C-alpha atoms as a PDB file:
ATOM      1  CA  MET A   1      32.435 -86.884  26.139  1.00  0.00           C
ATOM      2  CA  GLU A   2      35.328 -87.965  24.210  1.00  0.00           C
ATOM      3  CA  ASN A   3      37.936 -84.936  23.941  1.00  0.00           C
ATOM      4  CA  ASN A   4      37.255 -84.835  20.099  1.00  0.00           C
ATOM      5  CA  LEU A   5      37.366 -81.416  17.967  1.00  0.00           C
ATOM      6  CA  ASP A   6      35.123 -82.941  15.325  1.00  0.00           C
ATOM      7  CA  GLU A   7      32.315 -83.287  17.864  1.00  0.00           C
ATOM      8  CA  VAL A   8      31.943 -79.629  18.549  1.00  0.00           C
ATOM      9  CA  GLU A   9      29.317 -78.220  16.278  1.00  0.00           C
ATOM     10  CA  ILE A  10      31.302 -74.810  15.387  1.00  0.00           C
ATOM     11  CA  PHE A  11      34.255 -77.092  14.215  1.00  0.00           C
ATOM     12  CA  SER A  12      32.221 -79.093  11.767  1.00  0.00           C
ATOM     13  CA  LYS A  13      29.764 -76.395  10.342  1.00  0.00           C
ATOM     14  CA  PRO A  14      29.971 -73.263   8.264  1.00  0.00           C
ATOM     15  CA  ILE A  15      29.080 -70.489  10.226  1.00  0.00           C
ATOM     16  CA  SER A  16      27.560 -66.965   8.866  1.00  0.00           C
ATOM     17  CA  ARG A  17      29.899 -64.973   6.682  1.00  0.00           C
ATOM     18  CA  THR A  18      29.539 -61.921   9.452  1.00  0.00           C
ATOM     19  CA  LEU A  19      30.691 -63.955  12.113  1.00  0.00           C
ATOM     20  CA  ALA A  20      33.631 -65.559   9.994  1.00  0.00           C
ATOM     21  CA  ILE A  21      34.591 -61.932   9.391  1.00  0.00           C
ATOM     22  CA  LEU A  22      34.458 -60.955  12.808  1.00  0.00           C
ATOM     23  CA  LEU A  23      36.743 -64.113  13.922  1.00  0.00           C
ATOM     24  CA  ALA A  24      39.156 -63.547  11.281  1.00  0.00           C
ATOM     25  CA  LEU A  25      39.618 -59.839  12.193  1.00  0.00           C
ATOM     26  CA  LEU A  26      40.101 -61.018  16.018  1.00  0.00           C
ATOM     27  CA  VAL A  27      42.739 -63.559  14.657  1.00  0.00           C
ATOM     28  CA  THR A  28      44.595 -60.794  12.981  1.00  0.00           C
ATOM     29  CA  PHE A  29      44.571 -58.670  16.005  1.00  0.00           C
ATOM     30  CA  LEU A  30      45.739 -61.473  18.246  1.00  0.00           C
ATOM     31  CA  TRP A  31      48.616 -62.397  15.518  1.00  0.00           C
ATOM     32  CA  SER A  32      49.485 -58.368  15.291  1.00  0.00           C
ATOM     33  CA  THR A  33      49.893 -58.286  19.176  1.00  0.00           C
ATOM     34  CA  SER A  34      52.070 -61.172  18.974  1.00  0.00           C
ATOM     35  CA  PHE A  35      54.753 -58.834  17.485  1.00  0.00           C
ATOM     36  CA  VAL A  36      54.932 -56.574  20.384  1.00  0.00           C
ATOM     37  CA  ILE A  37      54.533 -59.435  23.024  1.00  0.00           C
ATOM     38  CA  ILE A  38      57.729 -60.898  21.260  1.00  0.00           C
ATOM     39  CA  LYS A  39      59.468 -57.580  21.530  1.00  0.00           C
ATOM     40  CA  LEU A  40      58.726 -57.146  25.239  1.00  0.00           C
ATOM     41  CA  GLY A  41      59.923 -60.825  26.063  1.00  0.00           C
ATOM     42  CA  LEU A  42      62.823 -60.776  24.098  1.00  0.00           C
ATOM     43  CA  LYS A  43      64.148 -58.382  26.547  1.00  0.00           C
ATOM     44  CA  GLU A  44      65.059 -61.458  28.668  1.00  0.00           C
ATOM     45  CA  ILE A  45      64.361 -64.623  26.504  1.00  0.00           C
ATOM     46  CA  PRO A  46      66.726 -65.647  23.920  1.00  0.00           C
ATOM     47  CA  PRO A  47      64.923 -65.594  20.355  1.00  0.00           C
ATOM     48  CA  LEU A  48      65.156 -69.361  19.396  1.00  0.00           C
ATOM     49  CA  THR A  49      64.449 -70.570  23.000  1.00  0.00           C
ATOM     50  CA  PHE A  50      61.641 -68.213  23.100  1.00  0.00           C
ATOM     51  CA  ALA A  51      60.087 -69.339  19.839  1.00  0.00           C
ATOM     52  CA  GLY A  52      60.643 -72.906  20.877  1.00  0.00           C
ATOM     53  CA  LEU A  53      58.740 -72.766  24.142  1.00  0.00           C
ATOM     54  CA  ARG A  54      55.776 -71.078  22.548  1.00  0.00           C
ATOM     55  CA  TYR A  55      55.295 -73.422  19.723  1.00  0.00           C
ATOM     56  CA  PHE A  56      56.169 -76.343  21.939  1.00  0.00           C
ATOM     57  CA  ILE A  57      53.783 -75.651  24.492  1.00  0.00           C
ATOM     58  CA  ALA A  58      50.975 -74.781  21.659  1.00  0.00           C
ATOM     59  CA  PHE A  59      51.572 -78.378  20.207  1.00  0.00           C
ATOM     60  CA  VAL A  60      51.008 -79.850  23.894  1.00  0.00           C
ATOM     61  CA  SER A  61      47.936 -78.103  24.356  1.00  0.00           C
ATOM     62  CA  LEU A  62      46.767 -79.376  21.060  1.00  0.00           C
ATOM     63  CA  LEU A  63      47.948 -82.777  21.357  1.00  0.00           C
ATOM     64  CA  PRO A  64      44.708 -83.949  23.369  1.00  0.00           C
ATOM     65  CA  PHE A  65      42.543 -83.294  20.445  1.00  0.00           C
ATOM     66  CA  ALA A  66      44.684 -85.626  18.396  1.00  0.00           C
ATOM     67  CA  VAL A  67      44.205 -88.755  20.498  1.00  0.00           C
ATOM     68  CA  SER A  68      40.524 -89.386  19.569  1.00  0.00           C
ATOM     69  CA  LYS A  69      40.017 -92.925  17.808  1.00  0.00           C
ATOM     70  CA  ASP A  70      39.527 -91.287  14.147  1.00  0.00           C
ATOM     71  CA  ARG A  71      42.687 -89.422  14.313  1.00  0.00           C
ATOM     72  CA  ILE A  72      44.931 -92.127  15.839  1.00  0.00           C
ATOM     73  CA  GLU A  73      43.533 -94.247  13.294  1.00  0.00           C
ATOM     74  CA  GLU A  74      44.388 -91.795  10.521  1.00  0.00           C
ATOM     75  CA  ILE A  75      47.760 -91.281  12.006  1.00  0.00           C
ATOM     76  CA  LYS A  76      48.534 -94.933  11.875  1.00  0.00           C
ATOM     77  CA  ASN A  77      47.503 -95.147   8.120  1.00  0.00           C
ATOM     78  CA  LEU A  78      49.696 -92.399   7.001  1.00  0.00           C
ATOM     79  CA  ASP A  79      52.327 -93.526   4.123  1.00  0.00           C
ATOM     80  CA  LYS A  80      55.675 -92.898   4.402  1.00  0.00           C
ATOM     81  CA  LYS A  81      55.728 -90.516   2.026  1.00  0.00           C
ATOM     82  CA  THR A  82      53.098 -88.374   3.776  1.00  0.00           C
ATOM     83  CA  TRP A  83      55.291 -88.886   7.067  1.00  0.00           C
ATOM     84  CA  TYR A  84      58.493 -87.158   5.227  1.00  0.00           C
ATOM     85  CA  LYS A  85      56.197 -84.159   4.019  1.00  0.00           C
ATOM     86  CA  LEU A  86      54.803 -83.593   7.489  1.00  0.00           C
ATOM     87  CA  ILE A  87      58.196 -83.780   8.831  1.00  0.00           C
ATOM     88  CA  LEU A  88      59.714 -81.325   6.386  1.00  0.00           C
ATOM     89  CA  LEU A  89      56.471 -79.033   6.790  1.00  0.00           C
ATOM     90  CA  GLY A  90      57.483 -78.826  10.617  1.00  0.00           C
ATOM     91  CA  ILE A  91      60.928 -77.978   9.928  1.00  0.00           C
ATOM     92  CA  VAL A  92      60.584 -75.672   7.417  1.00  0.00           C
ATOM     93  CA  PHE A  93      57.610 -73.789   9.042  1.00  0.00           C
ATOM     94  CA  TYR A  94      58.011 -74.074  12.403  1.00  0.00           C
ATOM     95  CA  THR A  95      61.907 -74.365  12.831  1.00  0.00           C
ATOM     96  CA  ALA A  96      62.950 -72.397  10.037  1.00  0.00           C
ATOM     97  CA  THR A  97      60.396 -69.848   9.577  1.00  0.00           C
ATOM     98  CA  GLN A  98      59.271 -69.069  13.248  1.00  0.00           C
ATOM     99  CA  GLY A  99      63.064 -69.181  14.610  1.00  0.00           C
ATOM    100  CA  THR A 100      63.946 -66.722  11.861  1.00  0.00           C
ATOM    101  CA  GLN A 101      61.044 -64.297  12.670  1.00  0.00           C
ATOM    102  CA  PHE A 102      61.966 -64.293  16.316  1.00  0.00           C
ATOM    103  CA  LEU A 103      65.488 -63.781  15.585  1.00  0.00           C
ATOM    104  CA  GLY A 104      64.771 -60.981  13.068  1.00  0.00           C
ATOM    105  CA  LEU A 105      62.229 -59.363  15.895  1.00  0.00           C
ATOM    106  CA  SER A 106      65.348 -59.026  18.111  1.00  0.00           C
ATOM    107  CA  LEU A 107      67.097 -57.132  15.442  1.00  0.00           C
ATOM    108  CA  LEU A 108      64.421 -55.091  13.724  1.00  0.00           C
ATOM    109  CA  PRO A 109      61.478 -53.031  14.527  1.00  0.00           C
ATOM    110  CA  ALA A 110      58.284 -55.005  14.546  1.00  0.00           C
ATOM    111  CA  VAL A 111      56.834 -53.165  11.503  1.00  0.00           C
ATOM    112  CA  THR A 112      59.888 -53.880   9.636  1.00  0.00           C
ATOM    113  CA  VAL A 113      59.618 -57.520  10.145  1.00  0.00           C
ATOM    114  CA  SER A 114      55.823 -57.353   9.154  1.00  0.00           C
ATOM    115  CA  LEU A 115      56.544 -55.824   6.162  1.00  0.00           C
ATOM    116  CA  TRP A 116      59.185 -58.092   4.936  1.00  0.00           C
ATOM    117  CA  LEU A 117      56.820 -61.114   5.609  1.00  0.00           C
ATOM    118  CA  ASN A 118      54.788 -59.497   3.002  1.00  0.00           C
ATOM    119  CA  PHE A 119      57.284 -60.857   0.646  1.00  0.00           C
ATOM    120  CA  THR A 120      55.818 -64.304   0.876  1.00  0.00           C
ATOM    121  CA  PRO A 121      53.117 -64.069  -1.485  1.00  0.00           C
ATOM    122  CA  ILE A 122      55.524 -62.737  -4.098  1.00  0.00           C
ATOM    123  CA  ILE A 123      57.982 -65.727  -3.645  1.00  0.00           C
ATOM    124  CA  VAL A 124      55.018 -68.222  -3.622  1.00  0.00           C
ATOM    125  CA  ALA A 125      53.830 -67.160  -6.810  1.00  0.00           C
ATOM    126  CA  LEU A 126      57.348 -67.254  -8.431  1.00  0.00           C
ATOM    127  CA  LEU A 127      57.757 -70.687  -6.851  1.00  0.00           C
ATOM    128  CA  GLY A 128      54.789 -71.692  -9.006  1.00  0.00           C
ATOM    129  CA  ILE A 129      56.449 -70.954 -12.043  1.00  0.00           C
ATOM    130  CA  VAL A 130      59.217 -73.354 -11.178  1.00  0.00           C
ATOM    131  CA  LEU A 131      57.335 -76.161  -9.264  1.00  0.00           C
ATOM    132  CA  ILE A 132      54.155 -76.437 -11.175  1.00  0.00           C
ATOM    133  CA  SER A 133      54.703 -74.318 -14.346  1.00  0.00           C
ATOM    134  CA  GLU A 134      51.953 -71.623 -13.146  1.00  0.00           C
ATOM    135  CA  ILE A 135      52.634 -68.387 -14.831  1.00  0.00           C
ATOM    136  CA  PRO A 136      51.645 -65.504 -12.859  1.00  0.00           C
ATOM    137  CA  THR A 137      48.917 -63.344 -14.334  1.00  0.00           C
ATOM    138  CA  LYS A 138      49.515 -59.746 -15.779  1.00  0.00           C
ATOM    139  CA  GLN A 139      47.723 -58.411 -12.513  1.00  0.00           C
ATOM    140  CA  GLN A 140      50.116 -60.362 -10.312  1.00  0.00           C
ATOM    141  CA  TRP A 141      53.330 -58.923 -12.108  1.00  0.00           C
ATOM    142  CA  ILE A 142      52.040 -55.621 -11.419  1.00  0.00           C
ATOM    143  CA  GLY A 143      51.419 -56.433  -7.987  1.00  0.00           C
ATOM    144  CA  THR A 144      55.152 -57.624  -7.626  1.00  0.00           C
ATOM    145  CA  LEU A 145      56.354 -54.373  -9.274  1.00  0.00           C
ATOM    146  CA  LEU A 146      54.075 -52.298  -6.608  1.00  0.00           C
ATOM    147  CA  PHE A 147      55.600 -54.354  -3.822  1.00  0.00           C
ATOM    148  CA  VAL A 148      59.173 -53.626  -4.780  1.00  0.00           C
ATOM    149  CA  ALA A 149      58.364 -50.222  -5.399  1.00  0.00           C
ATOM    150  CA  GLY A 150      56.771 -50.023  -1.889  1.00  0.00           C
ATOM    151  CA  ILE A 151      59.991 -51.552  -0.372  1.00  0.00           C
ATOM    152  CA  ILE A 152      61.913 -48.979  -1.991  1.00  0.00           C
ATOM    153  CA  VAL A 153      60.018 -46.027  -0.715  1.00  0.00           C
ATOM    154  CA  TYR A 154      59.909 -47.575   2.601  1.00  0.00           C
ATOM    155  CA  PHE A 155      63.725 -47.896   2.899  1.00  0.00           C
ATOM    156  CA  PHE A 156      64.902 -44.928   0.938  1.00  0.00           C
ATOM    157  CA  PRO A 157      67.537 -43.624   1.136  1.00  0.00           C
ATOM    158  CA  ILE A 158      68.944 -46.982   2.326  1.00  0.00           C
ATOM    159  CA  SER A 159      71.104 -46.540   5.384  1.00  0.00           C
ATOM    160  CA  LEU A 160      71.198 -49.716   7.588  1.00  0.00           C
ATOM    161  CA  LEU A 161      73.086 -50.334  10.629  1.00  0.00           C
ATOM    162  CA  GLY A 162      74.894 -53.739  11.200  1.00  0.00           C
ATOM    163  CA  ASP A 163      72.004 -55.384  13.185  1.00  0.00           C
ATOM    164  CA  GLN A 164      69.572 -54.093  10.822  1.00  0.00           C
ATOM    165  CA  ALA A 165      71.426 -55.581   7.931  1.00  0.00           C
ATOM    166  CA  LEU A 166      71.806 -58.711   9.784  1.00  0.00           C
ATOM    167  CA  GLY A 167      68.159 -58.647  10.592  1.00  0.00           C
ATOM    168  CA  LEU A 168      67.047 -58.262   7.008  1.00  0.00           C
ATOM    169  CA  ILE A 169      69.199 -61.293   5.969  1.00  0.00           C
ATOM    170  CA  VAL A 170      67.563 -63.341   8.712  1.00  0.00           C
ATOM    171  CA  MET A 171      64.125 -62.376   7.597  1.00  0.00           C
ATOM    172  CA  THR A 172      65.099 -63.087   3.976  1.00  0.00           C
ATOM    173  CA  ILE A 173      65.851 -66.681   4.729  1.00  0.00           C
ATOM    174  CA  GLY A 174      62.595 -66.532   6.910  1.00  0.00           C
ATOM    175  CA  VAL A 175      60.321 -65.472   3.984  1.00  0.00           C
ATOM    176  CA  LEU A 176      61.945 -68.289   1.721  1.00  0.00           C
ATOM    177  CA  ALA A 177      61.185 -70.675   4.472  1.00  0.00           C
ATOM    178  CA  ASN A 178      58.037 -69.465   4.950  1.00  0.00           C
ATOM    179  CA  SER A 179      56.993 -69.603   1.039  1.00  0.00           C
ATOM    180  CA  GLY A 180      58.223 -72.722   0.883  1.00  0.00           C
ATOM    181  CA  SER A 181      56.234 -74.010   3.640  1.00  0.00           C
ATOM    182  CA  ALA A 182      53.045 -72.462   2.079  1.00  0.00           C
ATOM    183  CA  VAL A 183      53.645 -74.438  -1.284  1.00  0.00           C
ATOM    184  CA  LEU A 184      54.328 -77.685   0.876  1.00  0.00           C
ATOM    185  CA  GLY A 185      51.506 -77.076   3.078  1.00  0.00           C
ATOM    186  CA  ARG A 186      49.140 -76.662  -0.029  1.00  0.00           C
ATOM    187  CA  ASP A 187      50.666 -79.959  -1.363  1.00  0.00           C
ATOM    188  CA  ILE A 188      49.758 -81.851   1.879  1.00  0.00           C
ATOM    189  CA  ASN A 189      46.379 -80.258   2.253  1.00  0.00           C
ATOM    190  CA  ARG A 190      45.194 -80.447  -1.348  1.00  0.00           C
ATOM    191  CA  GLY A 191      42.043 -82.635  -1.699  1.00  0.00           C
ATOM    192  CA  GLY A 192      41.367 -82.781   1.847  1.00  0.00           C
ATOM    193  CA  LYS A 193      42.823 -86.240   2.287  1.00  0.00           C
ATOM    194  CA  HIS A 194      44.241 -85.476   5.854  1.00  0.00           C
ATOM    195  CA  HIS A 195      42.353 -83.962   8.683  1.00  0.00           C
ATOM    196  CA  PRO A 196      43.805 -80.463   9.577  1.00  0.00           C
ATOM    197  CA  LEU A 197      44.468 -81.296  13.020  1.00  0.00           C
ATOM    198  CA  VAL A 198      46.684 -84.156  12.209  1.00  0.00           C
ATOM    199  CA  VAL A 199      48.805 -82.110   9.656  1.00  0.00           C
ATOM    200  CA  THR A 200      49.117 -79.336  12.623  1.00  0.00           C
ATOM    201  CA  VAL A 201      50.024 -81.736  15.523  1.00  0.00           C
ATOM    202  CA  ILE A 202      52.461 -83.787  13.710  1.00  0.00           C
ATOM    203  CA  SER A 203      54.083 -80.861  11.806  1.00  0.00           C
ATOM    204  CA  MET A 204      54.245 -78.434  14.664  1.00  0.00           C
ATOM    205  CA  GLY A 205      55.436 -81.145  17.210  1.00  0.00           C
ATOM    206  CA  VAL A 206      58.499 -81.967  15.078  1.00  0.00           C
ATOM    207  CA  GLY A 207      59.379 -78.637  14.236  1.00  0.00           C
ATOM    208  CA  ALA A 208      58.638 -77.049  17.893  1.00  0.00           C
ATOM    209  CA  ALA A 209      60.735 -79.948  19.462  1.00  0.00           C
ATOM    210  CA  LEU A 210      63.579 -79.267  17.101  1.00  0.00           C
ATOM    211  CA  LEU A 211      63.387 -75.364  17.455  1.00  0.00           C
ATOM    212  CA  LEU A 212      63.489 -75.848  21.300  1.00  0.00           C
ATOM    213  CA  ILE A 213      66.326 -78.208  21.203  1.00  0.00           C
ATOM    214  CA  ILE A 214      68.521 -75.844  19.232  1.00  0.00           C
ATOM    215  CA  GLY A 215      67.346 -73.016  21.546  1.00  0.00           C
ATOM    216  CA  LEU A 216      68.533 -74.670  24.629  1.00  0.00           C
ATOM    217  CA  ILE A 217      71.432 -75.843  23.145  1.00  0.00           C
ATOM    218  CA  VAL A 218      72.564 -72.752  21.337  1.00  0.00           C
ATOM    219  CA  GLN A 219      70.903 -70.052  23.938  1.00  0.00           C
ATOM    220  CA  GLY A 220      70.247 -72.010  27.011  1.00  0.00           C
ATOM    221  CA  LEU A 221      67.198 -71.297  29.162  1.00  0.00           C
ATOM    222  CA  PRO A 222      67.442 -68.362  31.448  1.00  0.00           C
ATOM    223  CA  SER A 223      65.515 -67.327  34.467  1.00  0.00           C
ATOM    224  CA  ILE A 224      61.933 -66.394  33.562  1.00  0.00           C
ATOM    225  CA  ASN A 225      60.000 -63.830  35.522  1.00  0.00           C
ATOM    226  CA  THR A 226      56.010 -64.034  36.047  1.00  0.00           C
ATOM    227  CA  THR A 227      55.419 -61.696  33.297  1.00  0.00           C
ATOM    228  CA  ASN A 228      57.394 -63.592  30.570  1.00  0.00           C
ATOM    229  CA  ILE A 229      55.953 -66.882  31.571  1.00  0.00           C
ATOM    230  CA  ILE A 230      52.276 -65.161  31.128  1.00  0.00           C
ATOM    231  CA  TYR A 231      53.606 -63.839  27.832  1.00  0.00           C
ATOM    232  CA  ILE A 232      54.951 -67.389  26.726  1.00  0.00           C
ATOM    233  CA  LEU A 233      51.564 -69.099  27.681  1.00  0.00           C
ATOM    234  CA  TRP A 234      49.522 -66.222  25.967  1.00  0.00           C
ATOM    235  CA  LEU A 235      51.331 -66.814  22.857  1.00  0.00           C
ATOM    236  CA  ALA A 236      51.334 -70.445  22.885  1.00  0.00           C
ATOM    237  CA  LEU A 237      47.598 -70.914  23.898  1.00  0.00           C
ATOM    238  CA  ILE A 238      45.616 -67.734  22.807  1.00  0.00           C
ATOM    239  CA  ASN A 239      47.626 -66.457  19.857  1.00  0.00           C
ATOM    240  CA  THR A 240      48.790 -69.935  18.304  1.00  0.00           C
ATOM    241  CA  ALA A 241      46.569 -72.680  19.461  1.00  0.00           C
ATOM    242  CA  LEU A 242      43.261 -70.897  19.817  1.00  0.00           C
ATOM    243  CA  ALA A 243      44.242 -68.246  16.962  1.00  0.00           C
ATOM    244  CA  PHE A 244      45.001 -70.941  14.211  1.00  0.00           C
ATOM    245  CA  THR A 245      41.648 -72.814  15.443  1.00  0.00           C
ATOM    246  CA  LEU A 246      39.565 -69.763  14.705  1.00  0.00           C
ATOM    247  CA  TRP A 247      41.185 -68.755  11.673  1.00  0.00           C
ATOM    248  CA  ASN A 248      40.624 -72.365  10.189  1.00  0.00           C
ATOM    249  CA  ILE A 249      36.868 -71.970  11.282  1.00  0.00           C
ATOM    250  CA  SER A 250      36.452 -68.621   9.473  1.00  0.00           C
ATOM    251  CA  LEU A 251      38.021 -70.200   5.989  1.00  0.00           C
ATOM    252  CA  ARG A 252      35.179 -72.507   6.076  1.00  0.00           C
ATOM    253  CA  SER A 253      32.884 -69.320   5.056  1.00  0.00           C
ATOM    254  CA  LEU A 254      35.502 -67.000   3.673  1.00  0.00           C
ATOM    255  CA  THR A 255      36.896 -66.953  -0.015  1.00  0.00           C
ATOM    256  CA  ALA A 256      40.479 -66.889  -0.500  1.00  0.00           C
ATOM    257  CA  MET A 257      40.238 -63.439  -1.574  1.00  0.00           C
ATOM    258  CA  GLU A 258      38.341 -62.001   1.494  1.00  0.00           C
ATOM    259  CA  SER A 259      40.923 -63.813   3.947  1.00  0.00           C
ATOM    260  CA  SER A 260      43.567 -62.315   2.141  1.00  0.00           C
ATOM    261  CA  ILE A 261      42.287 -58.957   2.494  1.00  0.00           C
ATOM    262  CA  ILE A 262      41.693 -59.291   6.277  1.00  0.00           C
ATOM    263  CA  ASN A 263      45.058 -60.889   6.475  1.00  0.00           C
ATOM    264  CA  GLY A 264      46.448 -57.785   4.876  1.00  0.00           C
ATOM    265  CA  THR A 265      45.305 -55.535   7.564  1.00  0.00           C
ATOM    266  CA  MET A 266      47.675 -56.780   9.889  1.00  0.00           C
ATOM    267  CA  LEU A 267      50.385 -54.338   8.514  1.00  0.00           C
ATOM    268  CA  ILE A 268      48.392 -51.658   9.562  1.00  0.00           C
ATOM    269  CA  GLN A 269      47.641 -53.006  13.075  1.00  0.00           C
ATOM    270  CA  ILE A 270      51.297 -54.081  14.102  1.00  0.00           C
ATOM    271  CA  ALA A 271      52.329 -50.362  12.966  1.00  0.00           C
ATOM    272  CA  LEU A 272      49.468 -48.881  15.348  1.00  0.00           C
ATOM    273  CA  ILE A 273      50.220 -51.432  18.049  1.00  0.00           C
ATOM    274  CA  ALA A 274      53.920 -51.148  17.842  1.00  0.00           C
ATOM    275  CA  TRP A 275      53.543 -47.237  18.144  1.00  0.00           C
ATOM    276  CA  ILE A 276      51.364 -47.308  21.150  1.00  0.00           C
ATOM    277  CA  PHE A 277      53.082 -49.860  23.058  1.00  0.00           C
ATOM    278  CA  LEU A 278      56.734 -50.039  21.659  1.00  0.00           C
ATOM    279  CA  GLY A 279      57.181 -46.151  20.791  1.00  0.00           C
ATOM    280  CA  GLU A 280      58.144 -47.310  17.155  1.00  0.00           C
ATOM    281  CA  THR A 281      57.343 -44.035  15.165  1.00  0.00           C
ATOM    282  CA  ILE A 282      56.740 -44.364  11.456  1.00  0.00           C
ATOM    283  CA  SER A 283      57.213 -41.595   8.803  1.00  0.00           C
ATOM    284  CA  ILE A 284      54.722 -40.279   6.315  1.00  0.00           C
ATOM    285  CA  LYS A 285      56.978 -41.494   3.711  1.00  0.00           C
ATOM    286  CA  GLU A 286      57.183 -45.137   5.261  1.00  0.00           C
ATOM    287  CA  ILE A 287      53.364 -45.295   5.504  1.00  0.00           C
ATOM    288  CA  GLY A 288      53.169 -44.407   2.039  1.00  0.00           C
ATOM    289  CA  GLY A 289      55.596 -47.243   1.245  1.00  0.00           C
ATOM    290  CA  MET A 290      53.542 -49.734   3.409  1.00  0.00           C
ATOM    291  CA  ALA A 291      50.365 -48.798   1.855  1.00  0.00           C
ATOM    292  CA  VAL A 292      51.996 -49.401  -1.843  1.00  0.00           C
ATOM    293  CA  ALA A 293      53.864 -52.711  -0.722  1.00  0.00           C
ATOM    294  CA  ALA A 294      50.432 -54.165   0.794  1.00  0.00           C
ATOM    295  CA  ALA A 295      48.342 -53.244  -2.234  1.00  0.00           C
ATOM    296  CA  GLY A 296      51.040 -55.014  -4.354  1.00  0.00           C
ATOM    297  CA  ALA A 297      50.970 -57.951  -2.054  1.00  0.00           C
ATOM    298  CA  LEU A 298      47.174 -57.979  -2.324  1.00  0.00           C
ATOM    299  CA  LEU A 299      47.095 -57.878  -6.099  1.00  0.00           C
ATOM    300  CA  VAL A 300      49.374 -60.804  -6.158  1.00  0.00           C
ATOM    301  CA  GLN A 301      46.870 -62.877  -4.040  1.00  0.00           C
ATOM    302  CA  MET A 302      44.225 -62.062  -6.235  1.00  0.00           C
ATOM    303  CA  LYS A 303      43.541 -64.857  -8.801  1.00  0.00           C
ATOM    304  CA  ARG A 304      41.509 -64.969 -11.734  1.00  0.00           C
ATOM    305  CA  ALA A 305      38.308 -66.946 -11.333  1.00  0.00           C
ATOM    306  CA  GLY A 306      39.035 -70.553 -12.297  1.00  0.00           C
ATOM    307  CA  SER A 307      42.846 -70.192 -12.272  1.00  0.00           C
ATOM    308  CA  LYS A 308      44.634 -73.059 -10.871  1.00  0.00           C
ATOM    309  CA  SER A 309      45.941 -73.124  -7.595  1.00  0.00           C
ATOM    310  CA  ILE A 310      49.303 -73.975  -6.059  1.00  0.00           C
END
């Protein structure tokens, strides 16, 4: 049988809503464990090299599915403008966003990194004003204020050490990159003109290769023990290649709101997993701040029926 994702029934047909919810919850759990696995691996592997290895191996694992006749023909027919967009998406989403996330995890607790990443929908909503003249709803403005209030509660009183301050600066750059990639990704995928596998393989290939090259030049490749090799392979094959595929399958049956709510549970999952496996404690005040921030982020993502998407 030809190695083509399109020929597998589950990849081409919507699944039941219940199964989609279960798949989405499984994916968020896998993505949540990534924060802990990365923290453990960072004890031996430099962050940029670690990120580069993860996504380059994931790219290689997906590449065989992109060499079918239809996919190759589609790639050949891509115009120059689309190639530029895909290359830019790879640099912004994989090189910049994932690189800064790994750097952030080397400097900050996993829960703090997760909380900071929830700035993304806020920035995306604001970018919509500038790029496509989409004015946020009153509900979204309230959500933004709630999110900021939650952040203030979480960090108050503000007392950051040197590494923590640097970590927040790095993560702020990462959030901006992640937000930009969200807008660019929607622009590329709008209308369903390009197969998701083509978009993913090209952008991931470009971004991961660049990230790995930068990591090897700046931080080198240390000797990696068997445990960390397993970490890298698990992150690449299970938490990246498989998880992104399962997430896309779930999106065939879930609404954007449902997927946003499920994705929002990651903040809680990461806090629990980090507490169990990393010993990262969290106070009642910080839990309250996280809850308010999560509610605000959810409100920002909730759009009125019929409102224009970015």
